[in-house]
Amino acid sequence: MTRAAFARIAALLFVLLVVGGIAGCRPEQKAPPTQPPVAKKPPPSQTGAQSEEERGTITMEITSEAFAPGERLPDKYTREHQDLSPPLQWSGVPEQAVELVLICDDPDAPVGTWTHWLIWGLSPDRTELPEGVAPKPILPDLDGAKQGTNDFGEIGYGGPQPPRGKTHRYFFRLYALGEHLELSPGAKAREVHAALEGKVLAKAETIATYSR
């Protein structure tokens, strides 16, 4: 090897050692810490509209002297016996309520929810319904309240008559409204439920059961 070639190799090794030393002196670069994802809040409602269930918080209480919640409805309140509507009592109606509505239905019916009773136009000052409300479209003795058509096709209350061997639940729901319902006597369940939208201030319910 010539002296000139040896000198070139030596110079190249020197350059490599210098570059490597500079690189080794640089501080270690760390990856930026990972930030936890920020939970996004759901966008507010564009319309502000609320359903009947959202607006109607359960602040009232409804009971019956004829049955305890979840207990069997006595025979005289069923369709195959005297078919009387049961007595009901309630409390906690909001001061701003202008009308009370009562709906009784059976969600366990084979054909879907079966409506047994629709009554509206009750005074917010009222605290009870007596046993055996008359099956009339208008009730002068009960604040001039109106009754709708149940799923038996009749005005007023129609008691339970579930298939034999089956136990069904019967919900008695009371609604306090901030606006009056503009419905004619004899209205059906779908009309009453539609009219409740946006008017419910408070609601309460109690449940009875029955089997044959």
C-alpha atoms as a PDB file:
ATOM      1  CA  MET A   1       0.000   0.000   0.000  1.00  0.00           C
ATOM      2  CA  THR A   2       1.343   3.383  -0.930  1.00  0.00           C
ATOM      3  CA  ARG A   3       1.830   6.178   1.546  1.00  0.00           C
ATOM      4  CA  ALA A   4      -0.834   8.268  -0.240  1.00  0.00           C
ATOM      5  CA  ALA A   5      -3.447   5.470  -0.015  1.00  0.00           C
ATOM      6  CA  PHE A   6      -2.660   4.936   3.670  1.00  0.00           C
ATOM      7  CA  ALA A   7      -3.134   8.635   4.294  1.00  0.00           C
ATOM      8  CA  ARG A   8      -6.561   8.648   2.598  1.00  0.00           C
ATOM      9  CA  ILE A   9      -7.754   5.659   4.705  1.00  0.00           C
ATOM     10  CA  ALA A  10      -6.540   7.326   7.889  1.00  0.00           C
ATOM     11  CA  ALA A  11      -8.339  10.554   6.995  1.00  0.00           C
ATOM     12  CA  LEU A  12     -11.601   8.659   6.292  1.00  0.00           C
ATOM     13  CA  LEU A  13     -11.428   6.840   9.659  1.00  0.00           C
ATOM     14  CA  PHE A  14     -10.861  10.179  11.422  1.00  0.00           C
ATOM     15  CA  VAL A  15     -13.947  11.692   9.769  1.00  0.00           C
ATOM     16  CA  LEU A  16     -16.083   8.678  10.767  1.00  0.00           C
ATOM     17  CA  LEU A  17     -14.878   8.877  14.391  1.00  0.00           C
ATOM     18  CA  VAL A  18     -15.679  12.611  14.583  1.00  0.00           C
ATOM     19  CA  VAL A  19     -19.189  12.229  13.110  1.00  0.00           C
ATOM     20  CA  GLY A  20     -19.955   9.313  15.410  1.00  0.00           C
ATOM     21  CA  GLY A  21     -18.808  11.274  18.444  1.00  0.00           C
ATOM     22  CA  ILE A  22     -21.004  14.236  17.594  1.00  0.00           C
ATOM     23  CA  ALA A  23     -24.027  11.987  17.129  1.00  0.00           C
ATOM     24  CA  GLY A  24     -23.357  10.277  20.451  1.00  0.00           C
ATOM     25  CA  CYS A  25     -23.270  13.613  22.264  1.00  0.00           C
ATOM     26  CA  ARG A  26     -26.804  14.610  21.201  1.00  0.00           C
ATOM     27  CA  PRO A  27     -29.413  14.313  23.978  1.00  0.00           C
ATOM     28  CA  GLU A  28     -31.869  11.444  23.600  1.00  0.00           C
ATOM     29  CA  GLN A  29     -35.083  12.590  21.953  1.00  0.00           C
ATOM     30  CA  LYS A  30     -38.154  11.333  23.744  1.00  0.00           C
ATOM     31  CA  ALA A  31     -41.521  10.889  22.121  1.00  0.00           C
ATOM     32  CA  PRO A  32     -44.090  13.414  23.376  1.00  0.00           C
ATOM     33  CA  PRO A  33     -46.336  11.979  26.110  1.00  0.00           C
ATOM     34  CA  THR A  34     -49.569  10.554  24.897  1.00  0.00           C
ATOM     35  CA  GLN A  35     -52.557  12.690  25.931  1.00  0.00           C
ATOM     36  CA  PRO A  36     -55.664  10.806  27.052  1.00  0.00           C
ATOM     37  CA  PRO A  37     -58.604  11.237  24.695  1.00  0.00           C
ATOM     38  CA  VAL A  38     -60.972  13.988  25.721  1.00  0.00           C
ATOM     39  CA  ALA A  39     -64.533  12.775  26.054  1.00  0.00           C
ATOM     40  CA  LYS A  40     -66.855  14.742  23.865  1.00  0.00           C
ATOM     41  CA  LYS A  41     -70.141  15.881  25.288  1.00  0.00           C
ATOM     42  CA  PRO A  42     -73.200  14.962  23.249  1.00  0.00           C
ATOM     43  CA  PRO A  43     -74.543  17.899  21.306  1.00  0.00           C
ATOM     44  CA  PRO A  44     -77.517  19.640  22.910  1.00  0.00           C
ATOM     45  CA  SER A  45     -80.926  18.986  21.465  1.00  0.00           C
ATOM     46  CA  GLN A  46     -81.554  21.188  18.486  1.00  0.00           C
ATOM     47  CA  THR A  47     -85.263  21.429  19.196  1.00  0.00           C
ATOM     48  CA  GLY A  48     -85.399  21.194  22.978  1.00  0.00           C
ATOM     49  CA  ALA A  49     -88.395  18.872  22.602  1.00  0.00           C
ATOM     50  CA  GLN A  50     -88.876  16.203  25.239  1.00  0.00           C
ATOM     51  CA  SER A  51     -91.002  13.115  25.198  1.00  0.00           C
ATOM     52  CA  GLU A  52     -93.845  12.410  27.588  1.00  0.00           C
ATOM     53  CA  GLU A  53     -91.605  10.072  29.594  1.00  0.00           C
ATOM     54  CA  GLU A  54     -88.725  12.602  29.796  1.00  0.00           C
ATOM     55  CA  ARG A  55     -90.914  15.446  31.001  1.00  0.00           C
ATOM     56  CA  GLY A  56     -93.061  13.411  33.363  1.00  0.00           C
ATOM     57  CA  THR A  57     -90.896  12.649  36.354  1.00  0.00           C
ATOM     58  CA  ILE A  58     -92.474  10.427  38.987  1.00  0.00           C
ATOM     59  CA  THR A  59     -93.089  12.856  41.847  1.00  0.00           C
ATOM     60  CA  MET A  60     -96.679  11.940  42.726  1.00  0.00           C
ATOM     61  CA  GLU A  61     -97.926   8.844  44.504  1.00  0.00           C
ATOM     62  CA  ILE A  62    -101.012   6.803  43.635  1.00  0.00           C
ATOM     63  CA  THR A  63    -102.436   3.975  45.742  1.00  0.00           C
ATOM     64  CA  SER A  64    -105.619   1.968  46.177  1.00  0.00           C
ATOM     65  CA  GLU A  65    -107.365   0.821  49.315  1.00  0.00           C
ATOM     66  CA  ALA A  66    -108.490  -2.234  47.321  1.00  0.00           C
ATOM     67  CA  PHE A  67    -105.016  -3.681  46.681  1.00  0.00           C
ATOM     68  CA  ALA A  68    -101.386  -3.152  47.649  1.00  0.00           C
ATOM     69  CA  PRO A  69     -98.867  -2.453  44.867  1.00  0.00           C
ATOM     70  CA  GLY A  70     -98.107  -5.659  42.987  1.00  0.00           C
ATOM     71  CA  GLU A  71    -100.916  -7.631  44.673  1.00  0.00           C
ATOM     72  CA  ARG A  72    -103.826  -9.441  43.070  1.00  0.00           C
ATOM     73  CA  LEU A  73    -106.800  -7.326  42.024  1.00  0.00           C
ATOM     74  CA  PRO A  74    -109.950  -8.482  43.864  1.00  0.00           C
ATOM     75  CA  ASP A  75    -112.459 -10.343  41.678  1.00  0.00           C
ATOM     76  CA  LYS A  76    -115.170  -7.676  41.785  1.00  0.00           C
ATOM     77  CA  TYR A  77    -112.949  -5.361  39.737  1.00  0.00           C
ATOM     78  CA  THR A  78    -112.572  -7.881  36.902  1.00  0.00           C
ATOM     79  CA  ARG A  79    -114.593  -8.333  33.731  1.00  0.00           C
ATOM     80  CA  GLU A  80    -116.018 -11.758  34.588  1.00  0.00           C
ATOM     81  CA  HIS A  81    -117.394 -10.515  37.920  1.00  0.00           C
ATOM     82  CA  GLN A  82    -118.850  -7.080  38.802  1.00  0.00           C
ATOM     83  CA  ASP A  83    -116.453  -5.196  36.533  1.00  0.00           C
ATOM     84  CA  LEU A  84    -116.220  -2.183  38.874  1.00  0.00           C
ATOM     85  CA  SER A  85    -113.365   0.277  38.615  1.00  0.00           C
ATOM     86  CA  PRO A  86    -111.240   0.159  41.788  1.00  0.00           C
ATOM     87  CA  PRO A  87    -110.990   3.116  44.180  1.00  0.00           C
ATOM     88  CA  LEU A  88    -107.797   5.132  43.793  1.00  0.00           C
ATOM     89  CA  GLN A  89    -106.139   7.812  45.912  1.00  0.00           C
ATOM     90  CA  TRP A  90    -103.168  10.069  45.141  1.00  0.00           C
ATOM     91  CA  SER A  91    -101.024  12.927  46.454  1.00  0.00           C
ATOM     92  CA  GLY A  92     -98.224  15.234  45.336  1.00  0.00           C
ATOM     93  CA  VAL A  93     -99.974  16.938  42.405  1.00  0.00           C
ATOM     94  CA  PRO A  94     -97.856  19.950  41.291  1.00  0.00           C
ATOM     95  CA  GLU A  95     -99.371  23.365  42.001  1.00  0.00           C
ATOM     96  CA  GLN A  96     -99.108  24.377  38.340  1.00  0.00           C
ATOM     97  CA  ALA A  97    -101.145  21.385  37.126  1.00  0.00           C
ATOM     98  CA  VAL A  98    -104.401  22.232  35.332  1.00  0.00           C
ATOM     99  CA  GLU A  99    -105.732  18.721  34.690  1.00  0.00           C
ATOM    100  CA  LEU A 100    -105.294  15.085  35.718  1.00  0.00           C
ATOM    101  CA  VAL A 101    -105.410  12.039  33.429  1.00  0.00           C
ATOM    102  CA  LEU A 102    -105.703   8.387  34.419  1.00  0.00           C
ATOM    103  CA  ILE A 103    -104.833   5.461  32.144  1.00  0.00           C
ATOM    104  CA  CYS A 104    -105.048   1.772  33.017  1.00  0.00           C
ATOM    105  CA  ASP A 105    -103.509  -0.788  30.671  1.00  0.00           C
ATOM    106  CA  ASP A 106    -102.112  -4.312  30.480  1.00  0.00           C
ATOM    107  CA  PRO A 107     -98.701  -4.651  28.766  1.00  0.00           C
ATOM    108  CA  ASP A 108     -98.841  -8.476  28.973  1.00  0.00           C
ATOM    109  CA  ALA A 109    -101.797  -8.963  26.625  1.00  0.00           C
ATOM    110  CA  PRO A 110    -101.087 -11.393  23.720  1.00  0.00           C
ATOM    111  CA  VAL A 111    -101.918  -8.726  21.113  1.00  0.00           C
ATOM    112  CA  GLY A 112     -99.786  -6.022  22.759  1.00  0.00           C
ATOM    113  CA  THR A 113    -100.652  -3.394  25.351  1.00  0.00           C
ATOM    114  CA  TRP A 114    -104.391  -3.539  26.068  1.00  0.00           C
ATOM    115  CA  THR A 115    -106.041  -0.367  27.352  1.00  0.00           C
ATOM    116  CA  HIS A 116    -108.653  -0.888  30.097  1.00  0.00           C
ATOM    117  CA  TRP A 117    -109.466   2.683  31.080  1.00  0.00           C
ATOM    118  CA  LEU A 118    -108.989   6.252  29.852  1.00  0.00           C
ATOM    119  CA  ILE A 119    -110.223   9.220  31.878  1.00  0.00           C
ATOM    120  CA  TRP A 120    -109.121  12.851  31.600  1.00  0.00           C
ATOM    121  CA  GLY A 121    -110.255  16.321  32.606  1.00  0.00           C
ATOM    122  CA  LEU A 122    -110.070  15.544  36.330  1.00  0.00           C
ATOM    123  CA  SER A 123    -109.516  18.597  38.526  1.00  0.00           C
ATOM    124  CA  PRO A 124    -105.965  18.962  39.908  1.00  0.00           C
ATOM    125  CA  ASP A 125    -107.586  19.564  43.311  1.00  0.00           C
ATOM    126  CA  ARG A 126    -109.050  16.063  43.279  1.00  0.00           C
ATOM    127  CA  THR A 127    -107.209  13.451  45.359  1.00  0.00           C
ATOM    128  CA  GLU A 128    -109.204  10.286  44.646  1.00  0.00           C
ATOM    129  CA  LEU A 129    -111.594   8.355  42.436  1.00  0.00           C
ATOM    130  CA  PRO A 130    -114.397   6.351  44.033  1.00  0.00           C
ATOM    131  CA  GLU A 131    -115.117   2.718  43.365  1.00  0.00           C
ATOM    132  CA  GLY A 132    -117.323   1.997  40.383  1.00  0.00           C
ATOM    133  CA  VAL A 133    -116.991   5.077  38.162  1.00  0.00           C
ATOM    134  CA  ALA A 134    -119.983   5.096  35.792  1.00  0.00           C
ATOM    135  CA  PRO A 135    -119.287   4.007  32.185  1.00  0.00           C
ATOM    136  CA  LYS A 136    -120.367   7.355  30.718  1.00  0.00           C
ATOM    137  CA  PRO A 137    -118.527   9.582  28.221  1.00  0.00           C
ATOM    138  CA  ILE A 138    -118.898  12.654  30.483  1.00  0.00           C
ATOM    139  CA  LEU A 139    -118.914  12.540  34.296  1.00  0.00           C
ATOM    140  CA  PRO A 140    -120.668  15.603  35.799  1.00  0.00           C
ATOM    141  CA  ASP A 141    -120.035  14.355  39.347  1.00  0.00           C
ATOM    142  CA  LEU A 142    -116.287  14.066  38.671  1.00  0.00           C
ATOM    143  CA  ASP A 143    -115.401  17.594  37.555  1.00  0.00           C
ATOM    144  CA  GLY A 144    -117.017  17.027  34.159  1.00  0.00           C
ATOM    145  CA  ALA A 145    -114.218  14.596  33.308  1.00  0.00           C
ATOM    146  CA  LYS A 146    -114.355  12.628  30.059  1.00  0.00           C
ATOM    147  CA  GLN A 147    -113.810   8.935  29.432  1.00  0.00           C
ATOM    148  CA  GLY A 148    -112.354   7.293  26.363  1.00  0.00           C
ATOM    149  CA  THR A 149    -112.992   4.058  24.506  1.00  0.00           C
ATOM    150  CA  ASN A 150    -111.123   1.083  25.957  1.00  0.00           C
ATOM    151  CA  ASP A 151    -109.833  -1.814  23.853  1.00  0.00           C
ATOM    152  CA  PHE A 152    -113.034  -3.763  24.450  1.00  0.00           C
ATOM    153  CA  GLY A 153    -114.676  -1.039  22.376  1.00  0.00           C
ATOM    154  CA  GLU A 154    -116.572   0.355  25.364  1.00  0.00           C
ATOM    155  CA  ILE A 155    -116.654   3.702  27.167  1.00  0.00           C
ATOM    156  CA  GLY A 156    -115.081   3.777  30.612  1.00  0.00           C
ATOM    157  CA  TYR A 157    -113.501   1.009  32.654  1.00  0.00           C
ATOM    158  CA  GLY A 158    -113.232  -2.570  31.433  1.00  0.00           C
ATOM    159  CA  GLY A 159    -111.747  -4.956  33.967  1.00  0.00           C
ATOM    160  CA  PRO A 160    -109.090  -7.659  33.502  1.00  0.00           C
ATOM    161  CA  GLN A 161    -109.872 -10.852  31.623  1.00  0.00           C
ATOM    162  CA  PRO A 162    -106.505 -12.491  30.861  1.00  0.00           C
ATOM    163  CA  PRO A 163    -106.166 -15.933  29.237  1.00  0.00           C
ATOM    164  CA  ARG A 164    -106.653 -18.744  31.745  1.00  0.00           C
ATOM    165  CA  GLY A 165    -103.482 -19.798  33.496  1.00  0.00           C
ATOM    166  CA  LYS A 166    -101.732 -16.483  32.799  1.00  0.00           C
ATOM    167  CA  THR A 167    -100.909 -13.733  35.288  1.00  0.00           C
ATOM    168  CA  HIS A 168    -101.036 -10.222  33.855  1.00  0.00           C
ATOM    169  CA  ARG A 169    -100.027  -6.853  35.263  1.00  0.00           C
ATOM    170  CA  TYR A 170    -102.375  -3.857  35.288  1.00  0.00           C
ATOM    171  CA  PHE A 171    -100.788  -0.411  35.462  1.00  0.00           C
ATOM    172  CA  PHE A 172    -102.810   2.502  36.825  1.00  0.00           C
ATOM    173  CA  ARG A 173    -100.947   5.653  35.744  1.00  0.00           C
ATOM    174  CA  LEU A 174    -101.848   9.162  36.824  1.00  0.00           C
ATOM    175  CA  TYR A 175    -100.575  12.174  34.864  1.00  0.00           C
ATOM    176  CA  ALA A 176    -100.587  15.820  35.977  1.00  0.00           C
ATOM    177  CA  LEU A 177    -100.719  18.164  32.994  1.00  0.00           C
ATOM    178  CA  GLY A 178     -99.662  21.752  32.493  1.00  0.00           C
ATOM    179  CA  GLU A 179    -102.135  22.157  29.610  1.00  0.00           C
ATOM    180  CA  HIS A 180    -105.646  20.896  28.997  1.00  0.00           C
ATOM    181  CA  LEU A 181    -106.305  18.025  26.606  1.00  0.00           C
ATOM    182  CA  GLU A 182    -108.462  19.053  23.683  1.00  0.00           C
ATOM    183  CA  LEU A 183    -110.097  15.669  23.142  1.00  0.00           C
ATOM    184  CA  SER A 184    -113.684  14.613  22.591  1.00  0.00           C
ATOM    185  CA  PRO A 185    -115.268  11.954  24.825  1.00  0.00           C
ATOM    186  CA  GLY A 186    -114.725   8.465  23.475  1.00  0.00           C
ATOM    187  CA  ALA A 187    -111.162   9.093  22.236  1.00  0.00           C
ATOM    188  CA  LYS A 188    -108.969   5.997  21.966  1.00  0.00           C
ATOM    189  CA  ALA A 189    -105.639   5.264  23.620  1.00  0.00           C
ATOM    190  CA  ARG A 190    -103.452   6.363  20.707  1.00  0.00           C
ATOM    191  CA  GLU A 191    -105.195   9.749  20.625  1.00  0.00           C
ATOM    192  CA  VAL A 192    -104.825  10.265  24.366  1.00  0.00           C
ATOM    193  CA  HIS A 193    -101.138   9.303  24.399  1.00  0.00           C
ATOM    194  CA  ALA A 194    -100.437  11.609  21.448  1.00  0.00           C
ATOM    195  CA  ALA A 195    -102.239  14.481  23.195  1.00  0.00           C
ATOM    196  CA  LEU A 196    -100.110  13.988  26.344  1.00  0.00           C
ATOM    197  CA  GLU A 197     -96.863  14.793  24.529  1.00  0.00           C
ATOM    198  CA  GLY A 198     -95.215  17.885  25.963  1.00  0.00           C
ATOM    199  CA  LYS A 199     -97.916  18.473  28.596  1.00  0.00           C
ATOM    200  CA  VAL A 200     -96.894  16.118  31.425  1.00  0.00           C
ATOM    201  CA  LEU A 201     -95.593  17.781  34.593  1.00  0.00           C
ATOM    202  CA  ALA A 202     -95.553  14.709  36.829  1.00  0.00           C
ATOM    203  CA  LYS A 203     -96.816  11.152  36.908  1.00  0.00           C
ATOM    204  CA  ALA A 204     -97.281   8.230  39.263  1.00  0.00           C
ATOM    205  CA  GLU A 205     -98.267   4.599  38.917  1.00  0.00           C
ATOM    206  CA  THR A 206     -99.355   1.568  40.859  1.00  0.00           C
ATOM    207  CA  ILE A 207     -99.643  -2.010  39.647  1.00  0.00           C
ATOM    208  CA  ALA A 208    -102.127  -4.792  40.310  1.00  0.00           C
ATOM    209  CA  THR A 209    -101.960  -8.374  39.030  1.00  0.00           C
ATOM    210  CA  TYR A 210    -104.665 -10.831  38.100  1.00  0.00           C
ATOM    211  CA  SER A 211    -104.965 -14.398  36.830  1.00  0.00           C
ATOM    212  CA  ARG A 212    -107.873 -16.750  36.188  1.00  0.00           C
END
